[in-house]
PDB file of N, CA and C in Angstrom:
ATOM      1  N   MET A   1      78.760  83.773 -25.558  1.00  0.00           N
ATOM      2  CA  MET A   1      79.321  85.062 -25.879  1.00  0.00           C
ATOM      3  C   MET A   1      79.489  85.014 -27.408  1.00  0.00           C
ATOM      4  N   SER A   2      78.939  85.939 -28.154  1.00  0.00           N
ATOM      5  CA  SER A   2      79.049  85.916 -29.561  1.00  0.00           C
ATOM      6  C   SER A   2      79.621  87.273 -29.988  1.00  0.00           C
ATOM      7  N   THR A   3      80.510  87.070 -31.076  1.00  0.00           N
ATOM      8  CA  THR A   3      80.958  88.436 -31.490  1.00  0.00           C
ATOM      9  C   THR A   3      80.425  88.745 -32.971  1.00  0.00           C
ATOM     10  N   ALA A   4      80.026  89.892 -33.211  1.00  0.00           N
ATOM     11  CA  ALA A   4      79.537  90.336 -34.389  1.00  0.00           C
ATOM     12  C   ALA A   4      80.587  90.584 -35.441  1.00  0.00           C
ATOM     13  N   ALA A   5      80.218  90.178 -36.588  1.00  0.00           N
ATOM     14  CA  ALA A   5      81.207  90.347 -37.724  1.00  0.00           C
ATOM     15  C   ALA A   5      81.330  91.754 -38.215  1.00  0.00           C
ATOM     16  N   VAL A   6      82.546  92.221 -38.232  1.00  0.00           N
ATOM     17  CA  VAL A   6      82.919  93.554 -38.675  1.00  0.00           C
ATOM     18  C   VAL A   6      83.128  93.563 -40.268  1.00  0.00           C
ATOM     19  N   PRO A   7      82.456  94.393 -40.946  1.00  0.00           N
ATOM     20  CA  PRO A   7      82.652  94.426 -42.345  1.00  0.00           C
ATOM     21  C   PRO A   7      83.996  94.836 -42.607  1.00  0.00           C
ATOM     22  N   ALA A   8      84.543  94.459 -43.887  1.00  0.00           N
ATOM     23  CA  ALA A   8      85.950  94.663 -44.305  1.00  0.00           C
ATOM     24  C   ALA A   8      86.144  96.170 -44.454  1.00  0.00           C
ATOM     25  N   ASP A   9      85.205  96.977 -45.033  1.00  0.00           N
ATOM     26  CA  ASP A   9      85.394  98.281 -45.337  1.00  0.00           C
ATOM     27  C   ASP A   9      85.334  99.307 -43.989  1.00  0.00           C
ATOM     28  N   ASP A  10      84.823  98.704 -42.925  1.00  0.00           N
ATOM     29  CA  ASP A  10      84.789  99.581 -41.697  1.00  0.00           C
ATOM     30  C   ASP A  10      86.019  99.338 -40.879  1.00  0.00           C
ATOM     31  N   LYS A  11      86.801 100.459 -40.808  1.00  0.00           N
ATOM     32  CA  LYS A  11      88.135 100.577 -40.229  1.00  0.00           C
ATOM     33  C   LYS A  11      87.941 101.032 -38.603  1.00  0.00           C
ATOM     34  N   GLY A  12      86.864 100.650 -37.955  1.00  0.00           N
ATOM     35  CA  GLY A  12      86.772 101.046 -36.630  1.00  0.00           C
ATOM     36  C   GLY A  12      86.248 102.543 -36.432  1.00  0.00           C
ATOM     37  N   ASP A  13      85.955 103.173 -37.705  1.00  0.00           N
ATOM     38  CA  ASP A  13      85.596 104.633 -37.518  1.00  0.00           C
ATOM     39  C   ASP A  13      84.115 104.644 -37.267  1.00  0.00           C
ATOM     40  N   ARG A  14      83.793 105.048 -35.997  1.00  0.00           N
ATOM     41  CA  ARG A  14      82.359 105.061 -35.668  1.00  0.00           C
ATOM     42  C   ARG A  14      81.841 106.494 -35.775  1.00  0.00           C
ATOM     43  N   GLY A  15      82.505 107.440 -36.192  1.00  0.00           N
ATOM     44  CA  GLY A  15      82.139 108.712 -36.403  1.00  0.00           C
ATOM     45  C   GLY A  15      81.369 108.927 -37.705  1.00  0.00           C
ATOM     46  N   GLY A  16      81.328 108.108 -38.545  1.00  0.00           N
ATOM     47  CA  GLY A  16      80.617 108.242 -39.842  1.00  0.00           C
ATOM     48  C   GLY A  16      81.597 108.814 -40.828  1.00  0.00           C
ATOM     49  N   ASP A  17      81.138 109.679 -41.661  1.00  0.00           N
ATOM     50  CA  ASP A  17      81.861 110.534 -42.713  1.00  0.00           C
ATOM     51  C   ASP A  17      82.668 111.563 -42.022  1.00  0.00           C
ATOM     52  N   ARG A  18      83.893 111.410 -41.536  1.00  0.00           N
ATOM     53  CA  ARG A  18      84.507 112.485 -41.038  1.00  0.00           C
ATOM     54  C   ARG A  18      85.132 113.515 -42.067  1.00  0.00           C
ATOM     55  N   ASP A  19      85.212 113.079 -43.266  1.00  0.00           N
ATOM     56  CA  ASP A  19      85.801 113.891 -44.359  1.00  0.00           C
ATOM     57  C   ASP A  19      84.897 114.899 -44.755  1.00  0.00           C
ATOM     58  N   LYS A  20      83.512 114.569 -44.727  1.00  0.00           N
ATOM     59  CA  LYS A  20      82.603 115.702 -45.140  1.00  0.00           C
ATOM     60  C   LYS A  20      82.642 116.809 -44.330  1.00  0.00           C
ATOM     61  N   LYS A  21      82.317 118.015 -44.891  1.00  0.00           N
ATOM     62  CA  LYS A  21      82.060 119.098 -44.020  1.00  0.00           C
ATOM     63  C   LYS A  21      80.750 119.276 -43.537  1.00  0.00           C
ATOM     64  N   ARG A  22      80.428 119.643 -42.311  1.00  0.00           N
ATOM     65  CA  ARG A  22      79.179 119.753 -41.698  1.00  0.00           C
ATOM     66  C   ARG A  22      78.480 121.131 -42.243  1.00  0.00           C
ATOM     67  N   SER A  23      77.335 121.005 -42.705  1.00  0.00           N
ATOM     68  CA  SER A  23      76.657 122.286 -43.026  1.00  0.00           C
ATOM     69  C   SER A  23      76.144 123.067 -41.801  1.00  0.00           C
ATOM     70  N   MET A  24      76.770 124.240 -41.690  1.00  0.00           N
ATOM     71  CA  MET A  24      76.453 124.972 -40.494  1.00  0.00           C
ATOM     72  C   MET A  24      75.120 126.033 -40.623  1.00  0.00           C
ATOM     73  N   GLY A  25      74.592 126.030 -41.758  1.00  0.00           N
ATOM     74  CA  GLY A  25      73.583 126.812 -42.039  1.00  0.00           C
ATOM     75  C   GLY A  25      73.857 128.272 -42.149  1.00  0.00           C
ATOM     76  N   ARG A  26      72.945 129.146 -42.093  1.00  0.00           N
ATOM     77  CA  ARG A  26      73.111 130.531 -42.202  1.00  0.00           C
ATOM     78  C   ARG A  26      73.941 131.206 -41.208  1.00  0.00           C
ATOM     79  N   ARG A  27      74.791 132.155 -41.522  1.00  0.00           N
ATOM     80  CA  ARG A  27      75.649 132.762 -40.550  1.00  0.00           C
ATOM     81  C   ARG A  27      74.880 134.050 -40.145  1.00  0.00           C
ATOM     82  N   LYS A  28      75.108 134.159 -38.787  1.00  0.00           N
ATOM     83  CA  LYS A  28      74.333 135.300 -38.052  1.00  0.00           C
ATOM     84  C   LYS A  28      74.993 136.787 -38.518  1.00  0.00           C
ATOM     85  N   GLN A  29      74.110 137.702 -38.600  1.00  0.00           N
ATOM     86  CA  GLN A  29      74.682 139.104 -38.946  1.00  0.00           C
ATOM     87  C   GLN A  29      75.035 139.782 -37.577  1.00  0.00           C
ATOM     88  N   CYS A  30      76.192 140.495 -37.707  1.00  0.00           N
ATOM     89  CA  CYS A  30      76.562 141.307 -36.460  1.00  0.00           C
ATOM     90  C   CYS A  30      75.554 142.418 -36.211  1.00  0.00           C
ATOM     91  N   LYS A  31      75.033 142.444 -34.943  1.00  0.00           N
ATOM     92  CA  LYS A  31      73.951 143.238 -34.548  1.00  0.00           C
ATOM     93  C   LYS A  31      74.448 144.641 -34.780  1.00  0.00           C
ATOM     94  N   PHE A  32      75.645 144.909 -34.270  1.00  0.00           N
ATOM     95  CA  PHE A  32      76.234 146.294 -34.310  1.00  0.00           C
ATOM     96  C   PHE A  32      76.644 146.744 -35.639  1.00  0.00           C
ATOM     97  N   CYS A  33      77.045 145.850 -36.657  1.00  0.00           N
ATOM     98  CA  CYS A  33      77.349 146.420 -37.950  1.00  0.00           C
ATOM     99  C   CYS A  33      76.183 146.621 -38.743  1.00  0.00           C
ATOM    100  N   GLY A  34      75.070 145.948 -38.622  1.00  0.00           N
ATOM    101  CA  GLY A  34      73.766 146.092 -39.104  1.00  0.00           C
ATOM    102  C   GLY A  34      73.038 147.439 -38.796  1.00  0.00           C
ATOM    103  N   ASP A  35      73.156 147.704 -37.479  1.00  0.00           N
ATOM    104  CA  ASP A  35      72.435 148.898 -36.996  1.00  0.00           C
ATOM    105  C   ASP A  35      73.573 149.893 -36.439  1.00  0.00           C
ATOM    106  N   GLU A  36      73.726 150.887 -37.154  1.00  0.00           N
ATOM    107  CA  GLU A  36      74.773 151.905 -36.669  1.00  0.00           C
ATOM    108  C   GLU A  36      74.437 152.782 -35.471  1.00  0.00           C
ATOM    109  N   THR A  37      73.260 152.734 -35.199  1.00  0.00           N
ATOM    110  CA  THR A  37      72.789 153.573 -34.081  1.00  0.00           C
ATOM    111  C   THR A  37      72.931 152.859 -32.728  1.00  0.00           C
ATOM    112  N   LEU A  38      73.247 151.524 -32.677  1.00  0.00           N
ATOM    113  CA  LEU A  38      73.564 150.909 -31.519  1.00  0.00           C
ATOM    114  C   LEU A  38      75.011 151.124 -31.027  1.00  0.00           C
ATOM    115  N   LYS A  39      75.258 151.576 -29.818  1.00  0.00           N
ATOM    116  CA  LYS A  39      76.470 151.758 -29.465  1.00  0.00           C
ATOM    117  C   LYS A  39      76.833 150.801 -28.220  1.00  0.00           C
ATOM    118  N   ILE A  40      78.092 150.347 -28.046  1.00  0.00           N
ATOM    119  CA  ILE A  40      78.460 149.416 -26.992  1.00  0.00           C
ATOM    120  C   ILE A  40      79.015 150.291 -25.849  1.00  0.00           C
ATOM    121  N   ASP A  41      78.321 150.293 -24.641  1.00  0.00           N
ATOM    122  CA  ASP A  41      78.689 151.045 -23.579  1.00  0.00           C
ATOM    123  C   ASP A  41      78.607 150.217 -22.385  1.00  0.00           C
ATOM    124  N   TYR A  42      79.510 150.381 -21.418  1.00  0.00           N
ATOM    125  CA  TYR A  42      79.659 149.502 -20.287  1.00  0.00           C
ATOM    126  C   TYR A  42      78.582 149.965 -19.240  1.00  0.00           C
ATOM    127  N   LYS A  43      77.949 151.036 -19.447  1.00  0.00           N
ATOM    128  CA  LYS A  43      76.927 151.513 -18.487  1.00  0.00           C
ATOM    129  C   LYS A  43      75.592 150.863 -18.986  1.00  0.00           C
ATOM    130  N   ASP A  44      75.395 150.198 -20.053  1.00  0.00           N
ATOM    131  CA  ASP A  44      74.289 149.860 -20.590  1.00  0.00           C
ATOM    132  C   ASP A  44      74.133 148.303 -20.247  1.00  0.00           C
ATOM    133  N   ALA A  45      73.657 147.962 -19.093  1.00  0.00           N
ATOM    134  CA  ALA A  45      73.634 146.506 -18.697  1.00  0.00           C
ATOM    135  C   ALA A  45      72.565 145.793 -19.376  1.00  0.00           C
ATOM    136  N   GLY A  46      71.457 146.550 -19.725  1.00  0.00           N
ATOM    137  CA  GLY A  46      70.476 145.776 -20.528  1.00  0.00           C
ATOM    138  C   GLY A  46      70.916 145.323 -21.850  1.00  0.00           C
ATOM    139  N   LEU A  47      71.752 146.031 -22.506  1.00  0.00           N
ATOM    140  CA  LEU A  47      72.244 145.441 -23.724  1.00  0.00           C
ATOM    141  C   LEU A  47      73.386 144.437 -23.575  1.00  0.00           C
ATOM    142  N   LEU A  48      74.167 144.648 -22.552  1.00  0.00           N
ATOM    143  CA  LEU A  48      75.319 143.674 -22.322  1.00  0.00           C
ATOM    144  C   LEU A  48      74.802 142.230 -21.924  1.00  0.00           C
ATOM    145  N   LYS A  49      73.669 142.199 -21.121  1.00  0.00           N
ATOM    146  CA  LYS A  49      73.206 141.007 -20.753  1.00  0.00           C
ATOM    147  C   LYS A  49      72.802 139.886 -21.687  1.00  0.00           C
ATOM    148  N   TYR A  50      72.693 140.440 -22.900  1.00  0.00           N
ATOM    149  CA  TYR A  50      72.374 139.469 -23.978  1.00  0.00           C
ATOM    150  C   TYR A  50      73.631 138.599 -24.427  1.00  0.00           C
ATOM    151  N   PHE A  51      74.878 139.110 -24.098  1.00  0.00           N
ATOM    152  CA  PHE A  51      76.223 138.626 -24.572  1.00  0.00           C
ATOM    153  C   PHE A  51      76.865 137.824 -23.409  1.00  0.00           C
ATOM    154  N   ILE A  52      76.074 137.521 -22.183  1.00  0.00           N
ATOM    155  CA  ILE A  52      76.527 136.793 -21.176  1.00  0.00           C
ATOM    156  C   ILE A  52      75.707 135.572 -20.921  1.00  0.00           C
ATOM    157  N   THR A  53      76.098 134.524 -20.421  1.00  0.00           N
ATOM    158  CA  THR A  53      75.324 133.373 -20.216  1.00  0.00           C
ATOM    159  C   THR A  53      74.600 133.397 -18.859  1.00  0.00           C
ATOM    160  N   ASP A  54      73.662 132.432 -18.437  1.00  0.00           N
ATOM    161  CA  ASP A  54      73.221 132.367 -17.194  1.00  0.00           C
ATOM    162  C   ASP A  54      74.263 132.357 -16.082  1.00  0.00           C
ATOM    163  N   ARG A  55      75.331 131.670 -16.356  1.00  0.00           N
ATOM    164  CA  ARG A  55      76.275 131.515 -15.472  1.00  0.00           C
ATOM    165  C   ARG A  55      77.309 132.661 -15.282  1.00  0.00           C
ATOM    166  N   GLY A  56      77.131 133.714 -16.195  1.00  0.00           N
ATOM    167  CA  GLY A  56      77.992 134.968 -16.128  1.00  0.00           C
ATOM    168  C   GLY A  56      79.106 134.898 -17.123  1.00  0.00           C
ATOM    169  N   LYS A  57      79.285 133.926 -17.813  1.00  0.00           N
ATOM    170  CA  LYS A  57      80.433 133.949 -18.827  1.00  0.00           C
ATOM    171  C   LYS A  57      79.960 134.738 -20.207  1.00  0.00           C
ATOM    172  N   LEU A  58      80.929 135.012 -20.754  1.00  0.00           N
ATOM    173  CA  LEU A  58      80.799 135.672 -22.157  1.00  0.00           C
ATOM    174  C   LEU A  58      80.461 134.734 -23.197  1.00  0.00           C
ATOM    175  N   THR A  59      79.470 135.032 -24.047  1.00  0.00           N
ATOM    176  CA  THR A  59      79.047 134.021 -25.060  1.00  0.00           C
ATOM    177  C   THR A  59      80.125 134.144 -26.211  1.00  0.00           C
ATOM    178  N   PRO A  60      80.448 133.111 -26.962  1.00  0.00           N
ATOM    179  CA  PRO A  60      81.405 133.105 -27.959  1.00  0.00           C
ATOM    180  C   PRO A  60      80.828 133.840 -29.164  1.00  0.00           C
ATOM    181  N   ARG A  61      81.754 134.183 -30.060  1.00  0.00           N
ATOM    182  CA  ARG A  61      81.286 134.814 -31.216  1.00  0.00           C
ATOM    183  C   ARG A  61      80.420 133.949 -32.039  1.00  0.00           C
ATOM    184  N   ARG A  62      80.669 132.739 -32.253  1.00  0.00           N
ATOM    185  CA  ARG A  62      79.825 131.808 -33.049  1.00  0.00           C
ATOM    186  C   ARG A  62      78.515 131.663 -32.596  1.00  0.00           C
ATOM    187  N   LEU A  63      78.197 132.022 -31.323  1.00  0.00           N
ATOM    188  CA  LEU A  63      76.839 131.967 -30.819  1.00  0.00           C
ATOM    189  C   LEU A  63      76.072 133.210 -30.848  1.00  0.00           C
ATOM    190  N   SER A  64      76.971 134.298 -30.431  1.00  0.00           N
ATOM    191  CA  SER A  64      76.290 135.652 -30.473  1.00  0.00           C
ATOM    192  C   SER A  64      76.063 136.232 -31.867  1.00  0.00           C
ATOM    193  N   GLY A  65      76.957 135.974 -32.750  1.00  0.00           N
ATOM    194  CA  GLY A  65      76.821 136.410 -34.015  1.00  0.00           C
ATOM    195  C   GLY A  65      77.643 137.592 -34.367  1.00  0.00           C
ATOM    196  N   ASN A  66      78.354 138.146 -33.411  1.00  0.00           N
ATOM    197  CA  ASN A  66      79.168 139.334 -33.422  1.00  0.00           C
ATOM    198  C   ASN A  66      80.333 139.139 -34.355  1.00  0.00           C
ATOM    199  N   CYS A  67      80.752 140.328 -34.995  1.00  0.00           N
ATOM    200  CA  CYS A  67      82.041 140.227 -35.778  1.00  0.00           C
ATOM    201  C   CYS A  67      83.185 140.344 -34.646  1.00  0.00           C
ATOM    202  N   ALA A  68      84.336 140.141 -35.117  1.00  0.00           N
ATOM    203  CA  ALA A  68      85.473 140.071 -34.171  1.00  0.00           C
ATOM    204  C   ALA A  68      85.732 141.438 -33.469  1.00  0.00           C
ATOM    205  N   LYS A  69      85.514 142.582 -34.289  1.00  0.00           N
ATOM    206  CA  LYS A  69      85.700 143.824 -33.800  1.00  0.00           C
ATOM    207  C   LYS A  69      84.809 144.100 -32.608  1.00  0.00           C
ATOM    208  N   HIS A  70      83.449 143.943 -32.814  1.00  0.00           N
ATOM    209  CA  HIS A  70      82.470 144.097 -31.772  1.00  0.00           C
ATOM    210  C   HIS A  70      82.528 143.237 -30.717  1.00  0.00           C
ATOM    211  N   GLN A  71      82.863 141.868 -30.967  1.00  0.00           N
ATOM    212  CA  GLN A  71      83.057 141.103 -29.838  1.00  0.00           C
ATOM    213  C   GLN A  71      84.196 141.487 -28.773  1.00  0.00           C
ATOM    214  N   ARG A  72      85.197 141.999 -29.281  1.00  0.00           N
ATOM    215  CA  ARG A  72      86.233 142.673 -28.543  1.00  0.00           C
ATOM    216  C   ARG A  72      85.681 143.741 -27.608  1.00  0.00           C
ATOM    217  N   GLU A  73      84.918 144.586 -28.343  1.00  0.00           N
ATOM    218  CA  GLU A  73      84.345 145.704 -27.663  1.00  0.00           C
ATOM    219  C   GLU A  73      83.403 145.245 -26.570  1.00  0.00           C
ATOM    220  N   ILE A  74      82.644 144.315 -26.748  1.00  0.00           N
ATOM    221  CA  ILE A  74      81.659 143.695 -25.840  1.00  0.00           C
ATOM    222  C   ILE A  74      82.457 143.054 -24.610  1.00  0.00           C
ATOM    223  N   ALA A  75      83.441 142.401 -25.030  1.00  0.00           N
ATOM    224  CA  ALA A  75      84.451 141.966 -23.802  1.00  0.00           C
ATOM    225  C   ALA A  75      84.935 142.989 -22.946  1.00  0.00           C
ATOM    226  N   VAL A  76      85.485 144.058 -23.582  1.00  0.00           N
ATOM    227  CA  VAL A  76      86.008 145.271 -22.631  1.00  0.00           C
ATOM    228  C   VAL A  76      84.904 145.889 -21.938  1.00  0.00           C
ATOM    229  N   ALA A  77      83.629 146.062 -22.607  1.00  0.00           N
ATOM    230  CA  ALA A  77      82.627 146.635 -22.012  1.00  0.00           C
ATOM    231  C   ALA A  77      82.095 145.788 -20.645  1.00  0.00           C
ATOM    232  N   VAL A  78      82.095 144.609 -20.840  1.00  0.00           N
ATOM    233  CA  VAL A  78      81.536 143.636 -19.875  1.00  0.00           C
ATOM    234  C   VAL A  78      82.485 143.605 -18.661  1.00  0.00           C
ATOM    235  N   ASN A  79      83.729 143.663 -18.744  1.00  0.00           N
ATOM    236  CA  ASN A  79      84.970 143.705 -17.877  1.00  0.00           C
ATOM    237  C   ASN A  79      84.650 145.123 -17.068  1.00  0.00           C
ATOM    238  N   ARG A  80      84.521 146.168 -17.761  1.00  0.00           N
ATOM    239  CA  ARG A  80      84.440 147.428 -17.084  1.00  0.00           C
ATOM    240  C   ARG A  80      83.172 147.381 -16.240  1.00  0.00           C
ATOM    241  N   ALA A  81      82.085 146.871 -16.647  1.00  0.00           N
ATOM    242  CA  ALA A  81      80.899 146.884 -15.922  1.00  0.00           C
ATOM    243  C   ALA A  81      80.926 146.042 -14.756  1.00  0.00           C
ATOM    244  N   ARG A  82      81.885 144.878 -14.912  1.00  0.00           N
ATOM    245  CA  ARG A  82      82.087 144.094 -13.761  1.00  0.00           C
ATOM    246  C   ARG A  82      82.915 144.791 -12.667  1.00  0.00           C
ATOM    247  N   MET A  83      83.985 145.540 -12.985  1.00  0.00           N
ATOM    248  CA  MET A  83      84.721 146.235 -12.124  1.00  0.00           C
ATOM    249  C   MET A  83      83.939 147.346 -11.353  1.00  0.00           C
ATOM    250  N   LEU A  84      82.983 148.109 -12.092  1.00  0.00           N
ATOM    251  CA  LEU A  84      82.298 148.898 -11.286  1.00  0.00           C
ATOM    252  C   LEU A  84      80.875 148.342 -10.711  1.00  0.00           C
ATOM    253  N   ALA A  85      80.836 146.985 -10.526  1.00  0.00           N
ATOM    254  CA  ALA A  85      79.645 146.231 -10.005  1.00  0.00           C
ATOM    255  C   ALA A  85      78.418 146.515 -10.634  1.00  0.00           C
ATOM    256  N   ILE A  86      78.396 146.857 -12.032  1.00  0.00           N
ATOM    257  CA  ILE A  86      77.172 146.853 -12.549  1.00  0.00           C
ATOM    258  C   ILE A  86      76.637 145.520 -13.096  1.00  0.00           C
ATOM    259  N   MET A  87      77.651 144.674 -13.383  1.00  0.00           N
ATOM    260  CA  MET A  87      77.257 143.282 -13.715  1.00  0.00           C
ATOM    261  C   MET A  87      78.110 142.371 -12.861  1.00  0.00           C
ATOM    262  N   PRO A  88      77.538 141.198 -12.555  1.00  0.00           N
ATOM    263  CA  PRO A  88      78.302 140.172 -11.663  1.00  0.00           C
ATOM    264  C   PRO A  88      79.335 139.494 -12.406  1.00  0.00           C
ATOM    265  N   PHE A  89      80.450 139.109 -11.616  1.00  0.00           N
ATOM    266  CA  PHE A  89      81.567 138.277 -12.194  1.00  0.00           C
ATOM    267  C   PHE A  89      81.034 136.859 -12.438  1.00  0.00           C
ATOM    268  N   ALA A  90      80.269 136.363 -11.427  1.00  0.00           N
ATOM    269  CA  ALA A  90      79.693 134.962 -11.624  1.00  0.00           C
ATOM    270  C   ALA A  90      78.429 134.841 -10.972  1.00  0.00           C
ATOM    271  N   VAL A  91      77.391 134.110 -11.204  1.00  0.00           N
ATOM    272  CA  VAL A  91      76.243 133.868 -10.528  1.00  0.00           C
ATOM    273  C   VAL A  91      76.500 132.822  -9.466  1.00  0.00           C
ATOM    274  N   THR A  92      76.157 133.166  -8.376  1.00  0.00           N
ATOM    275  CA  THR A  92      76.203 132.287  -7.108  1.00  0.00           C
ATOM    276  C   THR A  92      74.776 131.748  -6.748  1.00  0.00           C
ATOM    277  N   GLY A  93      74.786 130.638  -5.863  1.00  0.00           N
ATOM    278  CA  GLY A  93      73.531 130.114  -5.549  1.00  0.00           C
ATOM    279  C   GLY A  93      73.162 128.928  -6.200  1.00  0.00           C
ATOM    280  N   ALA A  94      71.919 128.421  -6.010  1.00  0.00           N
ATOM    281  CA  ALA A  94      71.509 127.228  -6.624  1.00  0.00           C
ATOM    282  C   ALA A  94      71.140 127.348  -8.012  1.00  0.00           C
TER     283      ALA A  94
END
């Protein structure tokens, strides 16, 4: 049973350089701020399906690229569509 020598400057931090900020790349533009003709409507299930996952959950802002204002409007529209059975609450099955 051999033990490997641990360098003196390594303090058990296995995550690498945690002080450095991670480069996130380019930020997505909000789809609704860029195109004023698009309107968020609870009856438009075709538009709303892009903002829910395959499990039926809402996608977060950092993934969808929406601004805070339009993300809130998307959440309200999806909830209204769910109440009227236009969209499912959750996807069941295999």
